Amino acid sequence: MTVGEKQATTTGTATPPEVLDGPFSTRQLLRIDEALRLADKGTGLVFSVYVGGLDEPIRAHAERLHRQLAEPDKSVLIAISPNQRQLEIVTGRYARKRIPDTYAKLAALSMVASFGGGDLAGGIIQGLDQLASHAGKG
């Protein structure tokens, strides 16, 4: 479910929320939302992005978040904690067959380069595109 769909469900309108709390502008959120939709549609996998604090150990927390997704076996979670300067990409059992760890690491390196340049949203979008491109059609 996208940000706009969730808003429509809770308020009965199809307009995106006017004020969002977080590191992204509404425009950036819509771009990320579109990248998620295209990645899901193009691969048959389920991509999710989490931006926020991650408890220690970081990887274990990201894996717990991944297990909470509706379809963890075919899901890919990008968990980012900007304040902690941490990034984890967690792939489910089926998703890992299509996106091996080496390709996830390459996408992570590319994302980190964008984050270092101050472009959090652009890094996420670029990472989603790289992961989806490697996964190919499902």
N, C-alpha and C. Protein backbone atom coordinates (compact mmCIF):
# COMPACT_ATOMS: atom_id res chain seq x y z
N MET A 1 0.85 -1.17 0.00
CA MET A 1 0.00 0.00 0.00
C MET A 1 0.90 1.23 0.00
N THR A 2 0.58 2.16 -0.85
CA THR A 2 1.37 3.37 -0.95
C THR A 2 0.87 4.42 0.03
N VAL A 3 1.65 5.48 0.20
CA VAL A 3 1.27 6.57 1.09
C VAL A 3 -0.07 7.15 0.66
N GLY A 4 -0.23 7.40 -0.64
CA GLY A 4 -1.47 7.97 -1.15
C GLY A 4 -2.66 7.05 -0.96
N GLU A 5 -2.45 5.74 -1.19
CA GLU A 5 -3.54 4.78 -1.01
C GLU A 5 -3.96 4.70 0.45
N LYS A 6 -2.97 4.73 1.36
CA LYS A 6 -3.29 4.68 2.78
C LYS A 6 -4.10 5.91 3.19
N GLN A 7 -3.71 7.06 2.69
CA GLN A 7 -4.43 8.30 3.00
C GLN A 7 -5.86 8.20 2.47
N ALA A 8 -6.03 7.68 1.26
CA ALA A 8 -7.37 7.56 0.67
C ALA A 8 -8.23 6.62 1.50
N THR A 9 -7.65 5.56 2.01
CA THR A 9 -8.39 4.59 2.81
C THR A 9 -8.83 5.20 4.13
N THR A 10 -7.98 5.98 4.75
CA THR A 10 -8.29 6.50 6.07
C THR A 10 -9.17 7.75 6.02
N THR A 11 -9.08 8.52 4.93
CA THR A 11 -9.87 9.75 4.89
C THR A 11 -10.99 9.71 3.87
N GLY A 12 -10.99 8.73 2.99
CA GLY A 12 -12.04 8.64 1.98
C GLY A 12 -11.78 9.49 0.76
N THR A 13 -10.59 10.12 0.66
CA THR A 13 -10.26 10.90 -0.51
C THR A 13 -9.05 10.29 -1.20
N ALA A 14 -8.83 10.68 -2.43
CA ALA A 14 -7.71 10.13 -3.19
C ALA A 14 -6.53 11.09 -3.24
N THR A 15 -6.52 12.11 -2.40
CA THR A 15 -5.42 13.07 -2.43
C THR A 15 -4.34 12.66 -1.44
N PRO A 16 -3.08 12.88 -1.81
CA PRO A 16 -2.00 12.56 -0.87
C PRO A 16 -2.05 13.49 0.33
N PRO A 17 -1.50 13.07 1.45
CA PRO A 17 -1.50 13.92 2.64
C PRO A 17 -0.74 15.22 2.38
N GLU A 18 -1.19 16.28 3.02
CA GLU A 18 -0.56 17.58 2.81
C GLU A 18 0.73 17.71 3.61
N VAL A 19 0.76 17.17 4.81
CA VAL A 19 1.93 17.31 5.67
C VAL A 19 2.40 15.91 6.06
N LEU A 20 3.65 15.65 5.80
CA LEU A 20 4.25 14.37 6.16
C LEU A 20 5.45 14.65 7.05
N ASP A 21 5.56 13.89 8.12
CA ASP A 21 6.68 14.07 9.04
C ASP A 21 7.80 13.12 8.63
N GLY A 22 8.97 13.65 8.39
CA GLY A 22 10.09 12.80 8.02
C GLY A 22 11.09 13.54 7.16
N PRO A 23 12.07 12.80 6.65
CA PRO A 23 13.15 13.44 5.91
C PRO A 23 12.83 13.77 4.45
N PHE A 24 11.61 13.45 3.99
CA PHE A 24 11.29 13.61 2.58
C PHE A 24 10.19 14.64 2.36
N SER A 25 10.29 15.32 1.23
CA SER A 25 9.20 16.19 0.80
C SER A 25 8.11 15.30 0.20
N THR A 26 6.95 15.87 -0.01
CA THR A 26 5.86 15.12 -0.64
C THR A 26 6.28 14.65 -2.02
N ARG A 27 6.96 15.50 -2.77
CA ARG A 27 7.42 15.12 -4.12
C ARG A 27 8.38 13.94 -4.07
N GLN A 28 9.31 13.98 -3.11
CA GLN A 28 10.26 12.87 -2.97
C GLN A 28 9.54 11.58 -2.60
N LEU A 29 8.57 11.67 -1.69
CA LEU A 29 7.80 10.49 -1.31
C LEU A 29 7.05 9.90 -2.50
N LEU A 30 6.50 10.76 -3.32
CA LEU A 30 5.78 10.27 -4.50
C LEU A 30 6.73 9.60 -5.48
N ARG A 31 7.95 10.13 -5.62
CA ARG A 31 8.95 9.51 -6.50
C ARG A 31 9.38 8.14 -5.95
N ILE A 32 9.58 8.05 -4.65
CA ILE A 32 9.94 6.77 -4.03
C ILE A 32 8.79 5.78 -4.19
N ASP A 33 7.59 6.26 -3.97
CA ASP A 33 6.40 5.43 -4.11
C ASP A 33 6.29 4.87 -5.54
N GLU A 34 6.55 5.70 -6.52
CA GLU A 34 6.50 5.27 -7.92
C GLU A 34 7.61 4.25 -8.20
N ALA A 35 8.80 4.46 -7.65
CA ALA A 35 9.90 3.51 -7.84
C ALA A 35 9.55 2.16 -7.21
N LEU A 36 8.92 2.19 -6.05
CA LEU A 36 8.49 0.95 -5.40
C LEU A 36 7.45 0.23 -6.26
N ARG A 37 6.48 0.98 -6.76
CA ARG A 37 5.43 0.39 -7.59
C ARG A 37 6.01 -0.24 -8.85
N LEU A 38 6.92 0.47 -9.51
CA LEU A 38 7.54 -0.07 -10.73
C LEU A 38 8.38 -1.30 -10.44
N ALA A 39 9.11 -1.29 -9.33
CA ALA A 39 9.93 -2.45 -8.96
C ALA A 39 9.04 -3.67 -8.68
N ASP A 40 7.96 -3.46 -7.95
CA ASP A 40 7.02 -4.56 -7.66
C ASP A 40 6.41 -5.11 -8.94
N LYS A 41 5.91 -4.20 -9.75
CA LYS A 41 5.21 -4.60 -10.98
C LYS A 41 6.17 -5.27 -11.97
N GLY A 42 7.38 -4.76 -12.08
CA GLY A 42 8.32 -5.28 -13.06
C GLY A 42 8.97 -6.60 -12.69
N THR A 43 8.95 -6.94 -11.39
CA THR A 43 9.66 -8.14 -10.95
C THR A 43 8.76 -9.22 -10.37
N GLY A 44 7.61 -8.84 -9.88
CA GLY A 44 6.77 -9.80 -9.16
C GLY A 44 7.21 -9.98 -7.72
N LEU A 45 8.29 -9.31 -7.33
CA LEU A 45 8.73 -9.32 -5.93
C LEU A 45 8.04 -8.16 -5.21
N VAL A 46 8.20 -8.11 -3.90
CA VAL A 46 7.60 -7.03 -3.11
C VAL A 46 8.74 -6.25 -2.46
N PHE A 47 8.89 -4.99 -2.87
CA PHE A 47 9.95 -4.13 -2.35
C PHE A 47 9.38 -3.21 -1.28
N SER A 48 10.14 -3.01 -0.22
CA SER A 48 9.74 -2.11 0.87
C SER A 48 10.96 -1.30 1.30
N VAL A 49 10.67 -0.11 1.79
CA VAL A 49 11.72 0.77 2.30
C VAL A 49 11.35 1.20 3.71
N TYR A 50 12.31 1.08 4.62
CA TYR A 50 12.15 1.55 5.99
C TYR A 50 13.22 2.61 6.22
N VAL A 51 12.80 3.79 6.68
CA VAL A 51 13.75 4.84 7.03
C VAL A 51 13.47 5.24 8.48
N GLY A 52 14.45 5.04 9.32
CA GLY A 52 14.27 5.36 10.74
C GLY A 52 15.36 4.71 11.56
N GLY A 53 15.23 4.81 12.86
CA GLY A 53 16.22 4.23 13.76
C GLY A 53 16.20 2.71 13.71
N LEU A 54 17.37 2.12 13.85
CA LEU A 54 17.51 0.67 13.90
C LEU A 54 18.23 0.30 15.19
N ASP A 55 17.65 -0.63 15.93
CA ASP A 55 18.27 -1.07 17.19
C ASP A 55 19.46 -1.98 16.90
N GLU A 56 20.38 -2.03 17.86
CA GLU A 56 21.52 -2.94 17.78
C GLU A 56 21.05 -4.35 18.14
N PRO A 57 21.55 -5.34 17.53
CA PRO A 57 22.36 -5.33 16.32
C PRO A 57 21.51 -4.94 15.11
N ILE A 58 22.08 -4.09 14.28
CA ILE A 58 21.37 -3.48 13.15
C ILE A 58 20.79 -4.54 12.21
N ARG A 59 21.61 -5.50 11.80
CA ARG A 59 21.14 -6.53 10.85
C ARG A 59 19.97 -7.32 11.41
N ALA A 60 20.05 -7.68 12.68
CA ALA A 60 18.96 -8.44 13.30
C ALA A 60 17.67 -7.64 13.33
N HIS A 61 17.76 -6.34 13.59
CA HIS A 61 16.56 -5.50 13.59
C HIS A 61 15.96 -5.44 12.18
N ALA A 62 16.81 -5.26 11.18
CA ALA A 62 16.32 -5.22 9.79
C ALA A 62 15.66 -6.55 9.42
N GLU A 63 16.23 -7.66 9.86
CA GLU A 63 15.64 -8.97 9.57
C GLU A 63 14.29 -9.14 10.27
N ARG A 64 14.16 -8.60 11.48
CA ARG A 64 12.86 -8.65 12.18
C ARG A 64 11.82 -7.85 11.41
N LEU A 65 12.20 -6.67 10.92
CA LEU A 65 11.28 -5.87 10.12
C LEU A 65 10.86 -6.62 8.87
N HIS A 66 11.82 -7.28 8.24
CA HIS A 66 11.55 -8.04 7.01
C HIS A 66 10.55 -9.17 7.28
N ARG A 67 10.72 -9.87 8.39
CA ARG A 67 9.81 -10.98 8.72
C ARG A 67 8.39 -10.50 8.96
N GLN A 68 8.21 -9.23 9.30
CA GLN A 68 6.88 -8.69 9.55
C GLN A 68 6.13 -8.32 8.27
N LEU A 69 6.81 -8.35 7.14
CA LEU A 69 6.17 -8.02 5.87
C LEU A 69 5.16 -9.10 5.50
N ALA A 70 4.20 -8.74 4.66
CA ALA A 70 3.12 -9.67 4.29
C ALA A 70 3.64 -10.92 3.60
N GLU A 71 4.62 -10.79 2.73
CA GLU A 71 5.16 -11.93 1.99
C GLU A 71 6.69 -11.93 2.10
N PRO A 72 7.23 -12.26 3.26
CA PRO A 72 8.68 -12.13 3.45
C PRO A 72 9.52 -12.95 2.47
N ASP A 73 9.06 -14.12 2.04
CA ASP A 73 9.87 -14.94 1.13
C ASP A 73 10.14 -14.26 -0.20
N LYS A 74 9.18 -13.48 -0.68
CA LYS A 74 9.37 -12.81 -1.97
C LYS A 74 9.55 -11.30 -1.81
N SER A 75 9.99 -10.90 -0.62
CA SER A 75 10.16 -9.48 -0.33
C SER A 75 11.62 -9.06 -0.25
N VAL A 76 11.84 -7.78 -0.56
CA VAL A 76 13.15 -7.15 -0.44
C VAL A 76 12.93 -5.90 0.42
N LEU A 77 13.64 -5.81 1.52
CA LEU A 77 13.55 -4.65 2.41
C LEU A 77 14.84 -3.86 2.36
N ILE A 78 14.70 -2.58 2.10
CA ILE A 78 15.83 -1.65 2.21
C ILE A 78 15.60 -0.88 3.50
N ALA A 79 16.44 -1.13 4.50
CA ALA A 79 16.32 -0.47 5.81
C ALA A 79 17.46 0.53 5.94
N ILE A 80 17.08 1.79 6.17
CA ILE A 80 18.06 2.87 6.23
C ILE A 80 17.87 3.65 7.52
N SER A 81 18.98 3.88 8.22
CA SER A 81 18.97 4.76 9.38
C SER A 81 19.97 5.88 9.11
N PRO A 82 19.47 7.01 8.57
CA PRO A 82 20.38 8.10 8.23
C PRO A 82 21.20 8.61 9.41
N ASN A 83 20.57 8.74 10.57
CA ASN A 83 21.28 9.27 11.74
C ASN A 83 22.38 8.34 12.21
N GLN A 84 22.19 7.04 12.04
CA GLN A 84 23.19 6.06 12.43
C GLN A 84 24.15 5.72 11.29
N ARG A 85 23.85 6.25 10.11
CA ARG A 85 24.63 5.97 8.91
C ARG A 85 24.70 4.46 8.65
N GLN A 86 23.52 3.83 8.68
CA GLN A 86 23.41 2.39 8.48
C GLN A 86 22.45 2.09 7.34
N LEU A 87 22.78 1.05 6.58
CA LEU A 87 21.95 0.58 5.48
C LEU A 87 22.00 -0.94 5.47
N GLU A 88 20.85 -1.56 5.41
CA GLU A 88 20.76 -3.02 5.28
C GLU A 88 19.76 -3.34 4.19
N ILE A 89 20.10 -4.31 3.35
CA ILE A 89 19.18 -4.83 2.36
C ILE A 89 18.92 -6.29 2.73
N VAL A 90 17.66 -6.61 3.01
CA VAL A 90 17.28 -7.96 3.41
C VAL A 90 16.40 -8.55 2.32
N THR A 91 16.79 -9.73 1.85
CA THR A 91 16.02 -10.41 0.80
C THR A 91 15.43 -11.70 1.38
N GLY A 92 14.21 -12.00 0.97
CA GLY A 92 13.56 -13.24 1.37
C GLY A 92 14.13 -14.42 0.60
N ARG A 93 13.71 -15.62 0.98
CA ARG A 93 14.23 -16.85 0.38
C ARG A 93 14.10 -16.87 -1.14
N TYR A 94 12.92 -16.56 -1.66
CA TYR A 94 12.71 -16.55 -3.11
C TYR A 94 13.40 -15.35 -3.77
N ALA A 95 13.30 -14.19 -3.14
CA ALA A 95 13.91 -12.97 -3.69
C ALA A 95 15.43 -13.11 -3.79
N ARG A 96 16.05 -13.82 -2.83
CA ARG A 96 17.51 -13.98 -2.81
C ARG A 96 18.00 -14.78 -4.02
N LYS A 97 17.16 -15.66 -4.54
CA LYS A 97 17.54 -16.43 -5.73
C LYS A 97 17.66 -15.52 -6.95
N ARG A 98 16.91 -14.44 -6.95
CA ARG A 98 16.93 -13.50 -8.07
C ARG A 98 17.83 -12.31 -7.83
N ILE A 99 18.10 -12.01 -6.56
CA ILE A 99 19.00 -10.91 -6.20
C ILE A 99 20.01 -11.46 -5.19
N PRO A 100 21.08 -12.07 -5.68
CA PRO A 100 22.09 -12.59 -4.76
C PRO A 100 22.74 -11.47 -3.95
N ASP A 101 23.37 -11.84 -2.84
CA ASP A 101 23.99 -10.85 -1.95
C ASP A 101 24.98 -9.94 -2.66
N THR A 102 25.72 -10.48 -3.63
CA THR A 102 26.71 -9.64 -4.32
C THR A 102 26.05 -8.49 -5.06
N TYR A 103 24.89 -8.73 -5.67
CA TYR A 103 24.18 -7.66 -6.37
C TYR A 103 23.52 -6.70 -5.39
N ALA A 104 23.06 -7.21 -4.27
CA ALA A 104 22.50 -6.33 -3.24
C ALA A 104 23.60 -5.41 -2.70
N LYS A 105 24.81 -5.95 -2.54
CA LYS A 105 25.93 -5.14 -2.06
C LYS A 105 26.30 -4.06 -3.06
N LEU A 106 26.26 -4.38 -4.35
CA LEU A 106 26.55 -3.37 -5.38
C LEU A 106 25.51 -2.25 -5.33
N ALA A 107 24.25 -2.61 -5.19
CA ALA A 107 23.19 -1.60 -5.08
C ALA A 107 23.42 -0.76 -3.82
N ALA A 108 23.81 -1.40 -2.73
CA ALA A 108 24.06 -0.68 -1.47
C ALA A 108 25.20 0.33 -1.64
N LEU A 109 26.27 -0.08 -2.32
CA LEU A 109 27.39 0.85 -2.55
C LEU A 109 26.95 2.07 -3.34
N SER A 110 26.13 1.85 -4.34
CA SER A 110 25.61 2.95 -5.15
C SER A 110 24.73 3.88 -4.32
N MET A 111 23.89 3.27 -3.48
CA MET A 111 23.01 4.07 -2.62
C MET A 111 23.83 4.91 -1.64
N VAL A 112 24.84 4.29 -1.04
CA VAL A 112 25.69 5.00 -0.07
C VAL A 112 26.38 6.19 -0.72
N ALA A 113 26.79 6.04 -1.97
CA ALA A 113 27.42 7.16 -2.68
C ALA A 113 26.44 8.33 -2.81
N SER A 114 25.17 8.02 -3.14
CA SER A 114 24.16 9.08 -3.24
C SER A 114 23.87 9.69 -1.87
N PHE A 115 23.78 8.85 -0.86
CA PHE A 115 23.53 9.36 0.50
C PHE A 115 24.65 10.30 0.93
N GLY A 116 25.87 9.92 0.61
CA GLY A 116 27.03 10.75 0.95
C GLY A 116 26.98 12.11 0.30
N GLY A 117 26.35 12.18 -0.87
CA GLY A 117 26.17 13.44 -1.57
C GLY A 117 24.95 14.21 -1.11
N GLY A 118 24.26 13.69 -0.08
CA GLY A 118 23.10 14.39 0.47
C GLY A 118 21.78 14.07 -0.22
N ASP A 119 21.74 13.03 -1.05
CA ASP A 119 20.52 12.72 -1.80
C ASP A 119 19.92 11.39 -1.31
N LEU A 120 19.22 11.44 -0.19
CA LEU A 120 18.62 10.25 0.39
C LEU A 120 17.56 9.65 -0.53
N ALA A 121 16.64 10.47 -1.00
CA ALA A 121 15.58 9.98 -1.88
C ALA A 121 16.14 9.43 -3.18
N GLY A 122 17.07 10.15 -3.78
CA GLY A 122 17.67 9.71 -5.03
C GLY A 122 18.42 8.40 -4.87
N GLY A 123 19.10 8.22 -3.75
CA GLY A 123 19.80 6.97 -3.47
C GLY A 123 18.85 5.80 -3.35
N ILE A 124 17.72 6.02 -2.69
CA ILE A 124 16.71 4.97 -2.55
C ILE A 124 16.15 4.59 -3.91
N ILE A 125 15.81 5.59 -4.70
CA ILE A 125 15.25 5.34 -6.03
C ILE A 125 16.25 4.60 -6.92
N GLN A 126 17.50 5.02 -6.87
CA GLN A 126 18.54 4.38 -7.65
C GLN A 126 18.74 2.93 -7.20
N GLY A 127 18.75 2.70 -5.90
CA GLY A 127 18.90 1.35 -5.37
C GLY A 127 17.76 0.45 -5.77
N LEU A 128 16.53 0.96 -5.68
CA LEU A 128 15.36 0.18 -6.10
C LEU A 128 15.47 -0.20 -7.58
N ASP A 129 15.88 0.75 -8.40
CA ASP A 129 16.01 0.50 -9.82
C ASP A 129 17.07 -0.58 -10.10
N GLN A 130 18.20 -0.48 -9.43
CA GLN A 130 19.27 -1.48 -9.62
C GLN A 130 18.84 -2.87 -9.18
N LEU A 131 18.20 -2.96 -8.01
CA LEU A 131 17.75 -4.25 -7.51
C LEU A 131 16.69 -4.86 -8.43
N ALA A 132 15.75 -4.03 -8.87
CA ALA A 132 14.70 -4.52 -9.77
C ALA A 132 15.25 -4.92 -11.11
N SER A 133 16.20 -4.15 -11.61
CA SER A 133 16.81 -4.49 -12.91
C SER A 133 17.51 -5.83 -12.84
N HIS A 134 18.20 -6.08 -11.74
CA HIS A 134 18.88 -7.36 -11.63
C HIS A 134 17.90 -8.51 -11.46
N ALA A 135 16.83 -8.28 -10.71
CA ALA A 135 15.84 -9.34 -10.47
C ALA A 135 15.14 -9.74 -11.77
N GLY A 136 14.95 -8.77 -12.66
CA GLY A 136 14.30 -9.05 -13.93
C GLY A 136 12.82 -9.37 -13.76
N LYS A 137 12.21 -9.80 -14.84
CA LYS A 137 10.78 -10.13 -14.82
C LYS A 137 10.53 -11.42 -14.05
N GLY A 138 9.45 -11.40 -13.29
CA GLY A 138 9.12 -12.58 -12.48
C GLY A 138 8.19 -13.46 -13.08
